[in-house]
N, C-alpha and C. Protein backbone atom coordinates (compact mmCIF):
# COMPACT_ATOMS: atom_id res chain seq x y z
N MET A 1 -7.33 -20.56 10.37
CA MET A 1 -7.29 -19.46 9.42
C MET A 1 -7.36 -18.16 10.20
N ALA A 2 -6.56 -17.20 9.80
CA ALA A 2 -6.52 -15.91 10.47
C ALA A 2 -7.12 -14.83 9.58
N ARG A 3 -7.72 -13.85 10.21
CA ARG A 3 -8.29 -12.72 9.47
C ARG A 3 -7.28 -11.57 9.48
N TYR A 4 -7.04 -11.02 8.29
CA TYR A 4 -6.14 -9.89 8.12
C TYR A 4 -6.94 -8.70 7.60
N PHE A 5 -6.52 -7.51 8.01
CA PHE A 5 -7.16 -6.26 7.60
C PHE A 5 -6.12 -5.42 6.86
N PHE A 6 -6.54 -4.81 5.76
CA PHE A 6 -5.65 -4.12 4.85
C PHE A 6 -5.99 -2.63 4.86
N HIS A 7 -5.42 -1.90 5.81
CA HIS A 7 -5.69 -0.47 5.99
C HIS A 7 -4.75 0.35 5.11
N VAL A 8 -5.28 1.42 4.54
CA VAL A 8 -4.49 2.27 3.66
C VAL A 8 -4.45 3.69 4.22
N ILE A 9 -3.28 4.29 4.13
CA ILE A 9 -3.14 5.70 4.48
C ILE A 9 -2.51 6.39 3.28
N ASN A 10 -3.21 7.39 2.77
CA ASN A 10 -2.61 8.29 1.78
C ASN A 10 -2.80 9.68 2.36
N SER A 11 -3.60 10.50 1.82
CA SER A 11 -3.88 11.78 2.47
C SER A 11 -4.92 11.60 3.58
N GLU A 12 -5.49 10.43 3.67
CA GLU A 12 -6.46 10.08 4.71
C GLU A 12 -6.32 8.61 5.09
N PHE A 13 -6.92 8.24 6.20
CA PHE A 13 -6.91 6.85 6.66
C PHE A 13 -8.12 6.14 6.08
N ILE A 14 -7.89 5.05 5.38
CA ILE A 14 -8.97 4.26 4.78
C ILE A 14 -8.94 2.88 5.44
N PRO A 15 -9.78 2.68 6.46
CA PRO A 15 -9.74 1.40 7.18
C PRO A 15 -10.44 0.29 6.41
N ASP A 16 -9.96 -0.90 6.61
CA ASP A 16 -10.60 -2.11 6.08
C ASP A 16 -11.38 -2.71 7.25
N SER A 17 -12.67 -2.55 7.24
CA SER A 17 -13.49 -3.04 8.35
C SER A 17 -13.94 -4.49 8.16
N THR A 18 -13.73 -5.04 6.96
CA THR A 18 -14.15 -6.40 6.66
C THR A 18 -13.03 -7.40 6.84
N GLY A 19 -11.88 -7.12 6.29
CA GLY A 19 -10.75 -8.03 6.36
C GLY A 19 -10.94 -9.23 5.45
N LEU A 20 -9.96 -10.14 5.52
CA LEU A 20 -9.97 -11.33 4.69
C LEU A 20 -9.35 -12.47 5.47
N ASP A 21 -10.00 -13.64 5.43
CA ASP A 21 -9.43 -14.83 6.05
C ASP A 21 -8.34 -15.38 5.14
N CYS A 22 -7.16 -15.58 5.70
CA CYS A 22 -6.03 -16.11 4.95
C CYS A 22 -5.48 -17.32 5.70
N SER A 23 -5.13 -18.34 4.96
CA SER A 23 -4.62 -19.55 5.61
C SER A 23 -3.18 -19.40 6.07
N THR A 24 -2.42 -18.52 5.43
CA THR A 24 -1.03 -18.27 5.84
C THR A 24 -0.72 -16.79 5.70
N GLU A 25 0.38 -16.38 6.32
CA GLU A 25 0.81 -14.98 6.16
C GLU A 25 1.23 -14.72 4.72
N ASP A 26 1.76 -15.73 4.04
CA ASP A 26 2.09 -15.56 2.62
C ASP A 26 0.85 -15.26 1.79
N ASP A 27 -0.29 -15.85 2.14
CA ASP A 27 -1.55 -15.52 1.44
C ASP A 27 -1.91 -14.05 1.67
N ALA A 28 -1.69 -13.56 2.89
CA ALA A 28 -1.97 -12.15 3.19
C ALA A 28 -1.02 -11.25 2.39
N LYS A 29 0.25 -11.65 2.28
CA LYS A 29 1.21 -10.88 1.49
C LYS A 29 0.76 -10.80 0.03
N ASP A 30 0.35 -11.95 -0.51
CA ASP A 30 -0.11 -12.00 -1.90
C ASP A 30 -1.31 -11.10 -2.10
N HIS A 31 -2.26 -11.15 -1.18
CA HIS A 31 -3.46 -10.31 -1.29
C HIS A 31 -3.09 -8.83 -1.20
N ALA A 32 -2.18 -8.48 -0.29
CA ALA A 32 -1.76 -7.09 -0.14
C ALA A 32 -1.16 -6.55 -1.44
N VAL A 33 -0.32 -7.35 -2.08
CA VAL A 33 0.30 -6.92 -3.34
C VAL A 33 -0.76 -6.74 -4.42
N ARG A 34 -1.72 -7.66 -4.46
CA ARG A 34 -2.79 -7.55 -5.47
C ARG A 34 -3.64 -6.29 -5.24
N ILE A 35 -4.01 -6.03 -3.98
CA ILE A 35 -4.78 -4.83 -3.66
C ILE A 35 -3.99 -3.58 -4.04
N ALA A 36 -2.72 -3.55 -3.66
CA ALA A 36 -1.88 -2.39 -3.96
C ALA A 36 -1.79 -2.16 -5.46
N GLY A 37 -1.61 -3.24 -6.22
CA GLY A 37 -1.54 -3.11 -7.67
C GLY A 37 -2.81 -2.52 -8.26
N GLU A 38 -3.96 -2.97 -7.76
CA GLU A 38 -5.23 -2.43 -8.25
C GLU A 38 -5.40 -0.97 -7.85
N MET A 39 -4.99 -0.63 -6.61
CA MET A 39 -5.08 0.76 -6.17
C MET A 39 -4.22 1.66 -7.05
N LEU A 40 -2.99 1.25 -7.32
CA LEU A 40 -2.10 2.05 -8.15
C LEU A 40 -2.65 2.19 -9.57
N LYS A 41 -3.18 1.10 -10.09
CA LYS A 41 -3.77 1.13 -11.43
C LYS A 41 -4.95 2.10 -11.48
N ASP A 42 -5.81 2.06 -10.46
CA ASP A 42 -6.98 2.93 -10.41
C ASP A 42 -6.61 4.40 -10.22
N GLN A 43 -5.49 4.65 -9.54
CA GLN A 43 -5.07 6.03 -9.27
C GLN A 43 -4.59 6.75 -10.52
N GLY A 44 -3.91 6.04 -11.40
CA GLY A 44 -3.37 6.69 -12.59
C GLY A 44 -2.56 7.92 -12.23
N LEU A 45 -2.82 9.01 -12.89
CA LEU A 45 -2.07 10.25 -12.65
C LEU A 45 -2.34 10.87 -11.29
N LYS A 46 -3.45 10.51 -10.65
CA LYS A 46 -3.75 11.06 -9.32
C LYS A 46 -2.69 10.68 -8.29
N LEU A 47 -2.01 9.56 -8.52
CA LEU A 47 -0.97 9.12 -7.59
C LEU A 47 0.10 10.20 -7.43
N TRP A 48 0.38 10.93 -8.49
CA TRP A 48 1.40 11.98 -8.43
C TRP A 48 0.96 13.12 -7.53
N ASN A 49 -0.34 13.32 -7.37
CA ASN A 49 -0.84 14.38 -6.47
C ASN A 49 -0.78 13.94 -5.01
N THR A 50 -1.10 12.69 -4.77
CA THR A 50 -1.10 12.17 -3.40
C THR A 50 0.33 11.94 -2.94
N GLY A 51 1.15 11.37 -3.79
CA GLY A 51 2.55 11.22 -3.50
C GLY A 51 2.95 9.98 -2.73
N HIS A 52 2.20 9.59 -1.72
CA HIS A 52 2.65 8.49 -0.87
C HIS A 52 1.46 7.68 -0.37
N TYR A 53 1.61 6.37 -0.41
CA TYR A 53 0.62 5.44 0.13
C TYR A 53 1.32 4.47 1.07
N ASP A 54 0.69 4.17 2.17
CA ASP A 54 1.11 3.08 3.04
C ASP A 54 -0.06 2.12 3.20
N MET A 55 0.21 0.84 3.14
CA MET A 55 -0.79 -0.17 3.46
C MET A 55 -0.27 -0.95 4.67
N PHE A 56 -1.06 -0.95 5.71
CA PHE A 56 -0.73 -1.70 6.92
C PHE A 56 -1.62 -2.93 6.97
N VAL A 57 -1.02 -4.09 7.01
CA VAL A 57 -1.76 -5.34 7.11
C VAL A 57 -1.72 -5.76 8.58
N CYS A 58 -2.92 -5.78 9.18
CA CYS A 58 -3.03 -6.03 10.62
C CYS A 58 -3.78 -7.33 10.88
N ASP A 59 -3.45 -7.96 12.01
CA ASP A 59 -4.16 -9.18 12.39
C ASP A 59 -5.41 -8.82 13.17
N GLU A 60 -6.10 -9.84 13.67
CA GLU A 60 -7.36 -9.64 14.38
C GLU A 60 -7.22 -8.85 15.67
N LYS A 61 -6.01 -8.79 16.20
CA LYS A 61 -5.76 -8.01 17.42
C LYS A 61 -5.22 -6.62 17.09
N ASN A 62 -5.32 -6.24 15.82
CA ASN A 62 -4.90 -4.94 15.30
C ASN A 62 -3.39 -4.73 15.42
N ARG A 63 -2.64 -5.82 15.40
CA ARG A 63 -1.17 -5.73 15.39
C ARG A 63 -0.72 -5.68 13.94
N THR A 64 0.13 -4.72 13.62
CA THR A 64 0.65 -4.61 12.26
C THR A 64 1.58 -5.79 12.00
N ARG A 65 1.27 -6.53 10.95
CA ARG A 65 2.07 -7.70 10.56
C ARG A 65 2.92 -7.40 9.32
N LEU A 66 2.41 -6.54 8.43
CA LEU A 66 3.09 -6.23 7.18
C LEU A 66 2.86 -4.77 6.83
N LYS A 67 3.75 -4.21 6.04
CA LYS A 67 3.57 -2.84 5.56
C LYS A 67 4.10 -2.75 4.14
N LEU A 68 3.30 -2.15 3.26
CA LEU A 68 3.73 -1.82 1.91
C LEU A 68 3.71 -0.31 1.79
N SER A 69 4.70 0.26 1.15
CA SER A 69 4.75 1.71 0.93
C SER A 69 5.04 2.00 -0.53
N PHE A 70 4.39 3.05 -1.03
CA PHE A 70 4.57 3.48 -2.41
C PHE A 70 4.72 4.99 -2.41
N THR A 71 5.72 5.46 -3.14
CA THR A 71 5.96 6.89 -3.25
C THR A 71 6.10 7.25 -4.72
N ALA A 72 5.43 8.32 -5.11
CA ALA A 72 5.56 8.85 -6.47
C ALA A 72 6.18 10.23 -6.37
N GLU A 73 7.30 10.41 -7.05
CA GLU A 73 7.99 11.69 -7.05
C GLU A 73 8.38 12.06 -8.47
N ALA A 74 8.16 13.31 -8.83
CA ALA A 74 8.61 13.82 -10.11
C ALA A 74 9.75 14.79 -9.84
N PHE A 75 10.85 14.65 -10.58
CA PHE A 75 12.03 15.48 -10.39
C PHE A 75 12.23 16.38 -11.59
N SER A 76 12.71 17.59 -11.31
CA SER A 76 13.15 18.43 -12.42
C SER A 76 14.49 17.86 -12.90
N ASN A 77 15.02 18.38 -13.95
CA ASN A 77 16.28 17.86 -14.48
C ASN A 77 17.46 18.07 -13.54
N THR A 78 17.30 18.97 -12.57
CA THR A 78 18.45 19.30 -11.74
C THR A 78 18.30 18.89 -10.28
N ALA A 79 17.09 18.61 -9.84
CA ALA A 79 16.89 18.41 -8.39
C ALA A 79 16.53 16.97 -8.04
N GLY A 80 17.48 16.24 -7.51
CA GLY A 80 17.18 14.95 -6.91
C GLY A 80 17.08 13.76 -7.83
N ALA A 81 17.07 13.97 -9.13
CA ALA A 81 16.91 12.84 -10.04
C ALA A 81 18.21 12.06 -10.13
N PRO A 82 18.13 10.75 -10.14
CA PRO A 82 19.35 9.96 -10.31
C PRO A 82 19.97 10.20 -11.67
N SER A 83 21.26 10.17 -11.73
CA SER A 83 21.98 10.38 -12.97
C SER A 83 21.89 9.15 -13.85
N LYS A 84 21.80 9.34 -15.17
CA LYS A 84 21.78 8.22 -16.11
C LYS A 84 23.14 8.01 -16.74
N ASP A 85 24.18 8.57 -16.15
CA ASP A 85 25.54 8.44 -16.70
C ASP A 85 26.09 7.06 -16.50
């Protein structure tokens, strides 16, 4: 079993000093998605102020194994929004 650490960067670095033992990398992927979902749910409207989150999933040797990124952007009617045509 390997230990994975789920570090988050938004406007600051939030290290995971505990980590989680996972039997496979797929288990680490599943855990990362669950953590990210809870973080996004907890952020609510604050996510629009922060704008961007990265989660780096690292192994015991601090090597990045996985990365999740989330970006929240609000567009005016004329700038950058995809067309609905």
